[in-house]
């Protein structure tokens, strides 16, 4: 764990090491959410675009899908690169998640998704408690909370006598982020995950805690480098802390993400606590995510 922690801290230091004072661009979340603009009357500026997307790679960010918008998300992840040339370095195998996120209110969003691995369906609700701002109302950080539920539908050995309740998993997360400047953002995410029943795993516990470290470093008007790492307080046997490094390309209407990670799962209990790949052993998976925003709530009033 100390080795992974050192690697994580080194990555975060590298990301935070270089930045300059370029002007802020108008991108995806400013387009979605008019509350990101400065309030001239109250002389309060709400800080927007802490991250390009509602997820860094797999982990959730403080960002909220704008009211009246739908975010259609497709996540692809391939097998480990160390499978070699015969399996085209993992590209012959793929796991995917398709999800729909909806902006319900100014600071509220919900989402639902389906992952092919273990045939899991997940749903979540996320609410922004605070938005970083400066001026008359000076709030140093943005804060969001998340509650999610997962259901594993894959067929299991009848001898295990698995009930519907046994297939349920729950997660709660607090996200605290700060946009340090126009280039650099960081986030800390204390996370709690509950297993109704532990199946085909040893060690660990039904109640598991972790802390996520997320960072974004913008390198151009439309490109940023991202990293996420979760430190577990207790692990299942044979699992590792998940580390993902990626690149976001923002085209204004959608975000295209390329990444490398040691995890297979794409929801909280699988990617945090059921990562069996090790970066040190070459169990690195290439993947990409596509996020496309659609306006479904009608035109905004001027």
C-alpha atoms as a PDB file:
ATOM      1  CA  UNK A   1       0.000   0.000   0.000  1.00  0.00           C
ATOM      2  CA  UNK A   2       2.878   2.380   0.772  1.00  0.00           C
ATOM      3  CA  UNK A   3       4.269   1.813  -2.725  1.00  0.00           C
ATOM      4  CA  UNK A   4       0.900   2.605  -4.344  1.00  0.00           C
ATOM      5  CA  UNK A   5       0.490   5.674  -2.117  1.00  0.00           C
ATOM      6  CA  UNK A   6       3.921   6.972  -3.108  1.00  0.00           C
ATOM      7  CA  UNK A   7       3.104   6.425  -6.798  1.00  0.00           C
ATOM      8  CA  UNK A   8      -0.197   8.216  -6.413  1.00  0.00           C
ATOM      9  CA  UNK A   9       1.331  11.192  -4.653  1.00  0.00           C
ATOM     10  CA  UNK A  10       4.068  11.378  -7.269  1.00  0.00           C
ATOM     11  CA  UNK A  11       1.482  11.450 -10.063  1.00  0.00           C
ATOM     12  CA  UNK A  12      -0.521  14.156  -8.318  1.00  0.00           C
ATOM     13  CA  UNK A  13       2.619  16.245  -7.740  1.00  0.00           C
ATOM     14  CA  UNK A  14       3.532  15.872 -11.413  1.00  0.00           C
ATOM     15  CA  UNK A  15       0.063  16.994 -12.483  1.00  0.00           C
ATOM     16  CA  UNK A  16       0.105  19.996 -10.157  1.00  0.00           C
ATOM     17  CA  UNK A  17       3.665  21.046 -10.995  1.00  0.00           C
ATOM     18  CA  UNK A  18       3.097  23.181 -14.095  1.00  0.00           C
ATOM     19  CA  UNK A  19       0.418  25.767 -14.729  1.00  0.00           C
ATOM     20  CA  UNK A  20       0.080  29.312 -16.033  1.00  0.00           C
ATOM     21  CA  UNK A  21      -2.624  31.986 -16.053  1.00  0.00           C
ATOM     22  CA  UNK A  22      -4.491  31.444 -19.310  1.00  0.00           C
ATOM     23  CA  UNK A  23      -8.054  32.747 -19.700  1.00  0.00           C
ATOM     24  CA  UNK A  24     -10.898  30.400 -18.871  1.00  0.00           C
ATOM     25  CA  UNK A  25     -12.596  28.765 -21.869  1.00  0.00           C
ATOM     26  CA  UNK A  26     -16.327  28.359 -22.406  1.00  0.00           C
ATOM     27  CA  UNK A  27     -16.823  24.588 -22.475  1.00  0.00           C
ATOM     28  CA  UNK A  28     -19.264  21.796 -21.726  1.00  0.00           C
ATOM     29  CA  UNK A  29     -20.503  22.663 -18.246  1.00  0.00           C
ATOM     30  CA  UNK A  30     -20.662  26.401 -18.865  1.00  0.00           C
ATOM     31  CA  UNK A  31     -22.831  25.574 -21.881  1.00  0.00           C
ATOM     32  CA  UNK A  32     -25.087  23.397 -19.715  1.00  0.00           C
ATOM     33  CA  UNK A  33     -25.461  25.462 -16.590  1.00  0.00           C
ATOM     34  CA  UNK A  34     -26.119  29.194 -16.628  1.00  0.00           C
ATOM     35  CA  UNK A  35     -25.386  29.383 -12.884  1.00  0.00           C
ATOM     36  CA  UNK A  36     -21.694  29.143 -13.778  1.00  0.00           C
ATOM     37  CA  UNK A  37     -21.649  32.749 -14.976  1.00  0.00           C
ATOM     38  CA  UNK A  38     -20.768  35.703 -12.810  1.00  0.00           C
ATOM     39  CA  UNK A  39     -23.633  37.339 -10.954  1.00  0.00           C
ATOM     40  CA  UNK A  40     -22.974  40.995 -11.662  1.00  0.00           C
ATOM     41  CA  UNK A  41     -25.695  42.209  -9.349  1.00  0.00           C
ATOM     42  CA  UNK A  42     -24.263  40.485  -6.284  1.00  0.00           C
ATOM     43  CA  UNK A  43     -20.667  40.662  -7.553  1.00  0.00           C
ATOM     44  CA  UNK A  44     -20.282  36.948  -6.945  1.00  0.00           C
ATOM     45  CA  UNK A  45     -18.547  34.688  -9.426  1.00  0.00           C
ATOM     46  CA  UNK A  46     -19.369  30.999  -9.282  1.00  0.00           C
ATOM     47  CA  UNK A  47     -16.413  28.881 -10.360  1.00  0.00           C
ATOM     48  CA  UNK A  48     -17.293  26.593 -13.261  1.00  0.00           C
ATOM     49  CA  UNK A  49     -15.570  23.717 -15.060  1.00  0.00           C
ATOM     50  CA  UNK A  50     -13.682  22.324 -12.098  1.00  0.00           C
ATOM     51  CA  UNK A  51     -13.562  19.165 -14.221  1.00  0.00           C
ATOM     52  CA  UNK A  52     -14.517  18.662 -17.874  1.00  0.00           C
ATOM     53  CA  UNK A  53     -16.970  15.882 -17.028  1.00  0.00           C
ATOM     54  CA  UNK A  54     -19.026  14.365 -14.225  1.00  0.00           C
ATOM     55  CA  UNK A  55     -16.376  11.616 -14.034  1.00  0.00           C
ATOM     56  CA  UNK A  56     -12.579  11.827 -14.133  1.00  0.00           C
ATOM     57  CA  UNK A  57     -12.218   8.280 -15.511  1.00  0.00           C
ATOM     58  CA  UNK A  58     -14.505   6.068 -13.460  1.00  0.00           C
ATOM     59  CA  UNK A  59     -14.776   8.122 -10.268  1.00  0.00           C
ATOM     60  CA  UNK A  60     -17.487  10.761  -9.929  1.00  0.00           C
ATOM     61  CA  UNK A  61     -16.553  14.460  -9.731  1.00  0.00           C
ATOM     62  CA  UNK A  62     -18.386  17.374  -8.098  1.00  0.00           C
ATOM     63  CA  UNK A  63     -19.794  18.378 -11.487  1.00  0.00           C
ATOM     64  CA  UNK A  64     -23.567  18.204 -12.082  1.00  0.00           C
ATOM     65  CA  UNK A  65     -25.295  17.655 -15.415  1.00  0.00           C
ATOM     66  CA  UNK A  66     -27.192  20.859 -16.211  1.00  0.00           C
ATOM     67  CA  UNK A  67     -30.934  21.063 -15.582  1.00  0.00           C
ATOM     68  CA  UNK A  68     -32.905  19.823 -18.570  1.00  0.00           C
ATOM     69  CA  UNK A  69     -29.912  17.999 -20.070  1.00  0.00           C
ATOM     70  CA  UNK A  70     -29.215  14.315 -20.633  1.00  0.00           C
ATOM     71  CA  UNK A  71     -25.662  12.979 -20.652  1.00  0.00           C
ATOM     72  CA  UNK A  72     -25.397   9.804 -22.735  1.00  0.00           C
ATOM     73  CA  UNK A  73     -22.261   7.966 -21.648  1.00  0.00           C
ATOM     74  CA  UNK A  74     -20.494   4.994 -23.205  1.00  0.00           C
ATOM     75  CA  UNK A  75     -17.536   3.482 -21.333  1.00  0.00           C
ATOM     76  CA  UNK A  76     -15.251   0.908 -22.990  1.00  0.00           C
ATOM     77  CA  UNK A  77     -12.476  -0.987 -21.279  1.00  0.00           C
ATOM     78  CA  UNK A  78     -10.267  -3.650 -22.824  1.00  0.00           C
ATOM     79  CA  UNK A  79      -8.315  -6.589 -21.374  1.00  0.00           C
ATOM     80  CA  UNK A  80      -4.787  -6.168 -19.923  1.00  0.00           C
ATOM     81  CA  UNK A  81      -1.969  -5.137 -22.230  1.00  0.00           C
ATOM     82  CA  UNK A  82       0.206  -7.978 -20.917  1.00  0.00           C
ATOM     83  CA  UNK A  83      -1.910 -10.564 -22.813  1.00  0.00           C
ATOM     84  CA  UNK A  84       0.470  -9.924 -25.680  1.00  0.00           C
ATOM     85  CA  UNK A  85       0.230  -9.754 -29.455  1.00  0.00           C
ATOM     86  CA  UNK A  86      -1.957 -12.878 -29.899  1.00  0.00           C
ATOM     87  CA  UNK A  87      -4.841 -11.078 -28.157  1.00  0.00           C
ATOM     88  CA  UNK A  88      -3.764  -7.743 -29.678  1.00  0.00           C
ATOM     89  CA  UNK A  89      -2.601  -6.524 -26.271  1.00  0.00           C
ATOM     90  CA  UNK A  90      -6.077  -6.894 -24.811  1.00  0.00           C
ATOM     91  CA  UNK A  91      -8.061  -5.272 -27.621  1.00  0.00           C
ATOM     92  CA  UNK A  92      -9.728  -8.585 -28.520  1.00  0.00           C
ATOM     93  CA  UNK A  93     -11.777  -8.415 -25.324  1.00  0.00           C
ATOM     94  CA  UNK A  94     -13.955  -5.576 -24.123  1.00  0.00           C
ATOM     95  CA  UNK A  95     -16.265  -4.714 -21.255  1.00  0.00           C
ATOM     96  CA  UNK A  96     -18.616  -1.777 -21.538  1.00  0.00           C
ATOM     97  CA  UNK A  97     -21.086   0.345 -19.621  1.00  0.00           C
ATOM     98  CA  UNK A  98     -23.883   2.351 -21.199  1.00  0.00           C
ATOM     99  CA  UNK A  99     -25.463   5.022 -19.032  1.00  0.00           C
ATOM    100  CA  UNK A 100     -27.914   7.906 -19.056  1.00  0.00           C
ATOM    101  CA  UNK A 101     -27.500  10.821 -16.645  1.00  0.00           C
ATOM    102  CA  UNK A 102     -30.200  13.449 -16.225  1.00  0.00           C
ATOM    103  CA  UNK A 103     -30.048  16.974 -14.849  1.00  0.00           C
ATOM    104  CA  UNK A 104     -33.193  17.191 -12.705  1.00  0.00           C
ATOM    105  CA  UNK A 105     -32.670  20.560 -11.034  1.00  0.00           C
ATOM    106  CA  UNK A 106     -30.033  23.259 -10.682  1.00  0.00           C
ATOM    107  CA  UNK A 107     -27.844  21.171  -8.362  1.00  0.00           C
ATOM    108  CA  UNK A 108     -29.390  17.706  -8.720  1.00  0.00           C
ATOM    109  CA  UNK A 109     -28.784  14.849 -11.137  1.00  0.00           C
ATOM    110  CA  UNK A 110     -29.644  11.160 -11.360  1.00  0.00           C
ATOM    111  CA  UNK A 111     -28.249   8.376 -13.509  1.00  0.00           C
ATOM    112  CA  UNK A 112     -28.723   4.769 -14.501  1.00  0.00           C
ATOM    113  CA  UNK A 113     -26.405   2.380 -16.295  1.00  0.00           C
ATOM    114  CA  UNK A 114     -25.762  -1.190 -17.354  1.00  0.00           C
ATOM    115  CA  UNK A 115     -22.349  -2.892 -17.310  1.00  0.00           C
ATOM    116  CA  UNK A 116     -21.706  -6.095 -19.234  1.00  0.00           C
ATOM    117  CA  UNK A 117     -19.198  -7.392 -16.678  1.00  0.00           C
ATOM    118  CA  UNK A 118     -21.216  -9.377 -14.102  1.00  0.00           C
ATOM    119  CA  UNK A 119     -24.347  -8.012 -15.839  1.00  0.00           C
ATOM    120  CA  UNK A 120     -24.722  -5.202 -13.338  1.00  0.00           C
ATOM    121  CA  UNK A 121     -27.342  -2.464 -13.320  1.00  0.00           C
ATOM    122  CA  UNK A 122     -26.596   0.649 -11.284  1.00  0.00           C
ATOM    123  CA  UNK A 123     -28.406   3.833 -10.369  1.00  0.00           C
ATOM    124  CA  UNK A 124     -27.313   6.934  -8.485  1.00  0.00           C
ATOM    125  CA  UNK A 125     -28.367  10.353  -7.289  1.00  0.00           C
ATOM    126  CA  UNK A 126     -25.934  13.253  -6.862  1.00  0.00           C
ATOM    127  CA  UNK A 127     -26.527  16.642  -5.258  1.00  0.00           C
ATOM    128  CA  UNK A 128     -24.253  19.671  -5.143  1.00  0.00           C
ATOM    129  CA  UNK A 129     -24.231  21.174  -1.654  1.00  0.00           C
ATOM    130  CA  UNK A 130     -21.771  24.002  -2.341  1.00  0.00           C
ATOM    131  CA  UNK A 131     -20.249  25.596  -5.432  1.00  0.00           C
ATOM    132  CA  UNK A 132     -16.885  27.291  -5.226  1.00  0.00           C
ATOM    133  CA  UNK A 133     -17.231  31.048  -5.658  1.00  0.00           C
ATOM    134  CA  UNK A 134     -15.417  34.316  -5.117  1.00  0.00           C
ATOM    135  CA  UNK A 135     -16.484  37.890  -4.457  1.00  0.00           C
ATOM    136  CA  UNK A 136     -19.328  38.786  -2.107  1.00  0.00           C
ATOM    137  CA  UNK A 137     -20.003  35.108  -1.453  1.00  0.00           C
ATOM    138  CA  UNK A 138     -16.589  33.489  -0.973  1.00  0.00           C
ATOM    139  CA  UNK A 139     -16.795  29.676  -0.895  1.00  0.00           C
ATOM    140  CA  UNK A 140     -13.372  27.987  -1.144  1.00  0.00           C
ATOM    141  CA  UNK A 141     -14.517  24.551  -2.365  1.00  0.00           C
ATOM    142  CA  UNK A 142     -17.286  22.771  -4.235  1.00  0.00           C
ATOM    143  CA  UNK A 143     -19.000  19.942  -2.356  1.00  0.00           C
ATOM    144  CA  UNK A 144     -21.288  17.230  -3.742  1.00  0.00           C
ATOM    145  CA  UNK A 145     -22.738  14.054  -2.245  1.00  0.00           C
ATOM    146  CA  UNK A 146     -23.561  10.797  -4.008  1.00  0.00           C
ATOM    147  CA  UNK A 147     -25.718   7.801  -3.202  1.00  0.00           C
ATOM    148  CA  UNK A 148     -25.687   4.774  -5.495  1.00  0.00           C
ATOM    149  CA  UNK A 149     -27.120   1.270  -5.682  1.00  0.00           C
ATOM    150  CA  UNK A 150     -25.895  -1.679  -7.762  1.00  0.00           C
ATOM    151  CA  UNK A 151     -27.558  -4.997  -8.668  1.00  0.00           C
ATOM    152  CA  UNK A 152     -25.535  -7.985  -9.947  1.00  0.00           C
ATOM    153  CA  UNK A 153     -27.624 -10.165 -12.257  1.00  0.00           C
ATOM    154  CA  UNK A 154     -25.054 -12.719 -13.432  1.00  0.00           C
ATOM    155  CA  UNK A 155     -25.968 -16.387 -12.985  1.00  0.00           C
ATOM    156  CA  UNK A 156     -24.461 -17.969  -9.883  1.00  0.00           C
ATOM    157  CA  UNK A 157     -24.034 -21.496  -8.541  1.00  0.00           C
ATOM    158  CA  UNK A 158     -27.451 -22.648  -7.225  1.00  0.00           C
ATOM    159  CA  UNK A 159     -25.646 -24.241  -4.281  1.00  0.00           C
ATOM    160  CA  UNK A 160     -24.817 -20.725  -3.011  1.00  0.00           C
ATOM    161  CA  UNK A 161     -28.569 -20.031  -2.587  1.00  0.00           C
ATOM    162  CA  UNK A 162     -28.142 -16.404  -3.615  1.00  0.00           C
ATOM    163  CA  UNK A 163     -31.201 -14.228  -2.949  1.00  0.00           C
ATOM    164  CA  UNK A 164     -32.197 -10.968  -4.592  1.00  0.00           C
ATOM    165  CA  UNK A 165     -30.996  -9.079  -1.519  1.00  0.00           C
ATOM    166  CA  UNK A 166     -27.614 -10.822  -1.728  1.00  0.00           C
ATOM    167  CA  UNK A 167     -27.077  -9.278  -5.156  1.00  0.00           C
ATOM    168  CA  UNK A 168     -27.400  -5.691  -3.905  1.00  0.00           C
ATOM    169  CA  UNK A 169     -24.543  -3.266  -3.203  1.00  0.00           C
ATOM    170  CA  UNK A 170     -24.691   0.323  -1.935  1.00  0.00           C
ATOM    171  CA  UNK A 171     -22.293   3.271  -1.903  1.00  0.00           C
ATOM    172  CA  UNK A 172     -22.195   6.748  -0.378  1.00  0.00           C
ATOM    173  CA  UNK A 173     -19.605   9.353  -1.289  1.00  0.00           C
ATOM    174  CA  UNK A 174     -18.653  12.874  -0.287  1.00  0.00           C
ATOM    175  CA  UNK A 175     -16.780  14.878  -2.933  1.00  0.00           C
ATOM    176  CA  UNK A 176     -14.777  17.976  -1.983  1.00  0.00           C
ATOM    177  CA  UNK A 177     -13.033  19.784  -4.853  1.00  0.00           C
ATOM    178  CA  UNK A 178     -11.186  23.016  -5.501  1.00  0.00           C
ATOM    179  CA  UNK A 179     -10.244  24.652  -8.765  1.00  0.00           C
ATOM    180  CA  UNK A 180      -6.851  26.088  -7.887  1.00  0.00           C
ATOM    181  CA  UNK A 181      -6.611  28.133 -11.095  1.00  0.00           C
ATOM    182  CA  UNK A 182      -7.668  27.932 -14.739  1.00  0.00           C
ATOM    183  CA  UNK A 183      -5.488  24.854 -15.249  1.00  0.00           C
ATOM    184  CA  UNK A 184      -5.465  22.797 -12.076  1.00  0.00           C
ATOM    185  CA  UNK A 185      -8.232  21.130 -10.071  1.00  0.00           C
ATOM    186  CA  UNK A 186      -8.093  18.602  -7.222  1.00  0.00           C
ATOM    187  CA  UNK A 187     -10.696  16.552  -5.363  1.00  0.00           C
ATOM    188  CA  UNK A 188     -10.869  14.322  -2.284  1.00  0.00           C
ATOM    189  CA  UNK A 189     -13.616  11.678  -2.131  1.00  0.00           C
ATOM    190  CA  UNK A 190     -14.238   9.771   1.138  1.00  0.00           C
ATOM    191  CA  UNK A 191     -16.310   6.714   0.142  1.00  0.00           C
ATOM    192  CA  UNK A 192     -18.352   4.048   1.932  1.00  0.00           C
ATOM    193  CA  UNK A 193     -19.460   0.798   0.232  1.00  0.00           C
ATOM    194  CA  UNK A 194     -21.759  -1.869   1.677  1.00  0.00           C
ATOM    195  CA  UNK A 195     -22.045  -5.486   0.488  1.00  0.00           C
ATOM    196  CA  UNK A 196     -25.270  -7.232   1.515  1.00  0.00           C
ATOM    197  CA  UNK A 197     -23.389 -10.515   1.087  1.00  0.00           C
ATOM    198  CA  UNK A 198     -19.793 -11.261   0.139  1.00  0.00           C
ATOM    199  CA  UNK A 199     -19.792 -13.869  -2.650  1.00  0.00           C
ATOM    200  CA  UNK A 200     -16.718 -15.501  -4.215  1.00  0.00           C
ATOM    201  CA  UNK A 201     -14.393 -13.149  -2.313  1.00  0.00           C
ATOM    202  CA  UNK A 202     -12.282 -13.682   0.795  1.00  0.00           C
ATOM    203  CA  UNK A 203     -11.020 -11.224   3.362  1.00  0.00           C
ATOM    204  CA  UNK A 204     -12.438  -7.731   3.303  1.00  0.00           C
ATOM    205  CA  UNK A 205     -15.715  -6.937   5.042  1.00  0.00           C
ATOM    206  CA  UNK A 206     -19.334  -6.085   4.291  1.00  0.00           C
ATOM    207  CA  UNK A 207     -18.650  -2.426   5.106  1.00  0.00           C
ATOM    208  CA  UNK A 208     -15.650  -0.932   3.347  1.00  0.00           C
ATOM    209  CA  UNK A 209     -14.131   2.546   3.418  1.00  0.00           C
ATOM    210  CA  UNK A 210     -11.756   4.278   1.024  1.00  0.00           C
ATOM    211  CA  UNK A 211     -10.578   7.740   0.091  1.00  0.00           C
ATOM    212  CA  UNK A 212     -10.243   8.897  -3.496  1.00  0.00           C
ATOM    213  CA  UNK A 213      -7.679  11.399  -4.781  1.00  0.00           C
ATOM    214  CA  UNK A 214      -8.570  13.048  -8.094  1.00  0.00           C
ATOM    215  CA  UNK A 215      -6.760  15.682 -10.150  1.00  0.00           C
ATOM    216  CA  UNK A 216      -7.023  17.493 -13.470  1.00  0.00           C
ATOM    217  CA  UNK A 217      -4.307  19.472 -15.242  1.00  0.00           C
ATOM    218  CA  UNK A 218      -5.387  21.384 -18.337  1.00  0.00           C
ATOM    219  CA  UNK A 219      -2.670  21.539 -20.998  1.00  0.00           C
ATOM    220  CA  UNK A 220      -4.595  23.369 -23.744  1.00  0.00           C
ATOM    221  CA  UNK A 221      -7.981  24.945 -24.367  1.00  0.00           C
ATOM    222  CA  UNK A 222      -9.579  21.549 -25.038  1.00  0.00           C
ATOM    223  CA  UNK A 223      -7.249  18.948 -23.536  1.00  0.00           C
ATOM    224  CA  UNK A 224      -6.509  17.958 -19.948  1.00  0.00           C
ATOM    225  CA  UNK A 225      -4.586  15.191 -18.172  1.00  0.00           C
ATOM    226  CA  UNK A 226      -6.452  13.451 -15.347  1.00  0.00           C
ATOM    227  CA  UNK A 227      -5.643  10.984 -12.584  1.00  0.00           C
ATOM    228  CA  UNK A 228      -7.631   9.142  -9.932  1.00  0.00           C
ATOM    229  CA  UNK A 229      -6.463   6.838  -7.140  1.00  0.00           C
ATOM    230  CA  UNK A 230      -8.375   5.197  -4.287  1.00  0.00           C
ATOM    231  CA  UNK A 231      -6.764   4.101  -1.023  1.00  0.00           C
ATOM    232  CA  UNK A 232      -8.666   1.287   0.693  1.00  0.00           C
ATOM    233  CA  UNK A 233      -8.629   0.852   4.463  1.00  0.00           C
ATOM    234  CA  UNK A 234      -9.319  -2.885   4.075  1.00  0.00           C
ATOM    235  CA  UNK A 235      -9.028  -5.078   0.979  1.00  0.00           C
ATOM    236  CA  UNK A 236     -10.350  -8.358  -0.319  1.00  0.00           C
ATOM    237  CA  UNK A 237      -7.611 -10.926  -0.861  1.00  0.00           C
ATOM    238  CA  UNK A 238      -5.762 -10.462  -4.143  1.00  0.00           C
ATOM    239  CA  UNK A 239      -7.068  -6.950  -4.863  1.00  0.00           C
ATOM    240  CA  UNK A 240      -5.171  -3.709  -5.405  1.00  0.00           C
ATOM    241  CA  UNK A 241      -5.893  -0.019  -5.069  1.00  0.00           C
ATOM    242  CA  UNK A 242      -7.276   1.305  -8.387  1.00  0.00           C
ATOM    243  CA  UNK A 243      -5.169   3.830 -10.296  1.00  0.00           C
ATOM    244  CA  UNK A 244      -6.319   5.431 -13.552  1.00  0.00           C
ATOM    245  CA  UNK A 245      -4.577   8.010 -15.734  1.00  0.00           C
ATOM    246  CA  UNK A 246      -6.274   9.583 -18.722  1.00  0.00           C
ATOM    247  CA  UNK A 247      -6.674  12.424 -21.186  1.00  0.00           C
ATOM    248  CA  UNK A 248      -9.871  14.424 -21.760  1.00  0.00           C
ATOM    249  CA  UNK A 249     -10.588  15.999 -25.135  1.00  0.00           C
ATOM    250  CA  UNK A 250     -13.426  18.525 -24.937  1.00  0.00           C
ATOM    251  CA  UNK A 251     -15.120  19.393 -28.217  1.00  0.00           C
ATOM    252  CA  UNK A 252     -17.797  21.643 -26.696  1.00  0.00           C
ATOM    253  CA  UNK A 253     -20.747  19.274 -27.204  1.00  0.00           C
ATOM    254  CA  UNK A 254     -19.104  16.149 -25.862  1.00  0.00           C
ATOM    255  CA  UNK A 255     -16.051  14.903 -23.991  1.00  0.00           C
ATOM    256  CA  UNK A 256     -13.867  12.073 -25.310  1.00  0.00           C
ATOM    257  CA  UNK A 257     -11.722  10.391 -22.658  1.00  0.00           C
ATOM    258  CA  UNK A 258      -8.744   8.078 -23.229  1.00  0.00           C
ATOM    259  CA  UNK A 259      -7.280   6.285 -20.229  1.00  0.00           C
ATOM    260  CA  UNK A 260      -5.155   3.505 -18.767  1.00  0.00           C
ATOM    261  CA  UNK A 261      -6.248   1.721 -15.600  1.00  0.00           C
ATOM    262  CA  UNK A 262      -5.740  -1.452 -13.594  1.00  0.00           C
ATOM    263  CA  UNK A 263      -9.460  -1.845 -12.833  1.00  0.00           C
ATOM    264  CA  UNK A 264     -12.187  -3.628 -14.780  1.00  0.00           C
ATOM    265  CA  UNK A 265     -15.293  -2.499 -12.917  1.00  0.00           C
ATOM    266  CA  UNK A 266     -17.177   0.706 -13.702  1.00  0.00           C
ATOM    267  CA  UNK A 267     -19.221   1.328 -10.572  1.00  0.00           C
ATOM    268  CA  UNK A 268     -18.193   2.062  -6.999  1.00  0.00           C
ATOM    269  CA  UNK A 269     -18.034  -1.388  -5.450  1.00  0.00           C
ATOM    270  CA  UNK A 270     -16.312  -3.046  -8.423  1.00  0.00           C
ATOM    271  CA  UNK A 271     -13.686  -0.507  -9.445  1.00  0.00           C
ATOM    272  CA  UNK A 272     -12.704   0.454  -5.884  1.00  0.00           C
ATOM    273  CA  UNK A 273     -12.840  -2.914  -4.105  1.00  0.00           C
ATOM    274  CA  UNK A 274     -12.701  -5.565  -6.839  1.00  0.00           C
ATOM    275  CA  UNK A 275      -9.622  -4.503  -8.812  1.00  0.00           C
ATOM    276  CA  UNK A 276      -7.441  -7.581  -9.272  1.00  0.00           C
ATOM    277  CA  UNK A 277      -4.969  -6.048 -11.712  1.00  0.00           C
ATOM    278  CA  UNK A 278      -1.612  -4.593 -10.711  1.00  0.00           C
ATOM    279  CA  UNK A 279       0.237  -1.839 -12.552  1.00  0.00           C
ATOM    280  CA  UNK A 280       3.504  -3.380 -11.353  1.00  0.00           C
ATOM    281  CA  UNK A 281       2.622  -6.708 -13.017  1.00  0.00           C
ATOM    282  CA  UNK A 282       1.532  -5.142 -16.290  1.00  0.00           C
ATOM    283  CA  UNK A 283      -2.194  -5.620 -15.688  1.00  0.00           C
ATOM    284  CA  UNK A 284      -2.942  -2.310 -17.366  1.00  0.00           C
ATOM    285  CA  UNK A 285      -6.111  -1.853 -19.398  1.00  0.00           C
ATOM    286  CA  UNK A 286      -6.620   0.679 -22.156  1.00  0.00           C
ATOM    287  CA  UNK A 287     -10.072   2.230 -22.409  1.00  0.00           C
ATOM    288  CA  UNK A 288     -12.096   5.181 -23.588  1.00  0.00           C
ATOM    289  CA  UNK A 289     -15.264   6.978 -22.524  1.00  0.00           C
ATOM    290  CA  UNK A 290     -17.605   9.129 -24.580  1.00  0.00           C
ATOM    291  CA  UNK A 291     -19.911  11.688 -22.988  1.00  0.00           C
ATOM    292  CA  UNK A 292     -22.508  13.410 -25.203  1.00  0.00           C
ATOM    293  CA  UNK A 293     -24.887  16.064 -23.877  1.00  0.00           C
ATOM    294  CA  UNK A 294     -28.416  16.388 -25.242  1.00  0.00           C
ATOM    295  CA  UNK A 295     -30.857  19.147 -24.377  1.00  0.00           C
ATOM    296  CA  UNK A 296     -34.194  17.527 -23.460  1.00  0.00           C
ATOM    297  CA  UNK A 297     -35.838  20.172 -21.267  1.00  0.00           C
ATOM    298  CA  UNK A 298     -36.606  22.783 -23.908  1.00  0.00           C
ATOM    299  CA  UNK A 299     -34.863  26.087 -24.535  1.00  0.00           C
ATOM    300  CA  UNK A 300     -33.684  28.188 -21.625  1.00  0.00           C
ATOM    301  CA  UNK A 301     -35.518  31.402 -20.992  1.00  0.00           C
ATOM    302  CA  UNK A 302     -33.468  34.488 -21.807  1.00  0.00           C
END
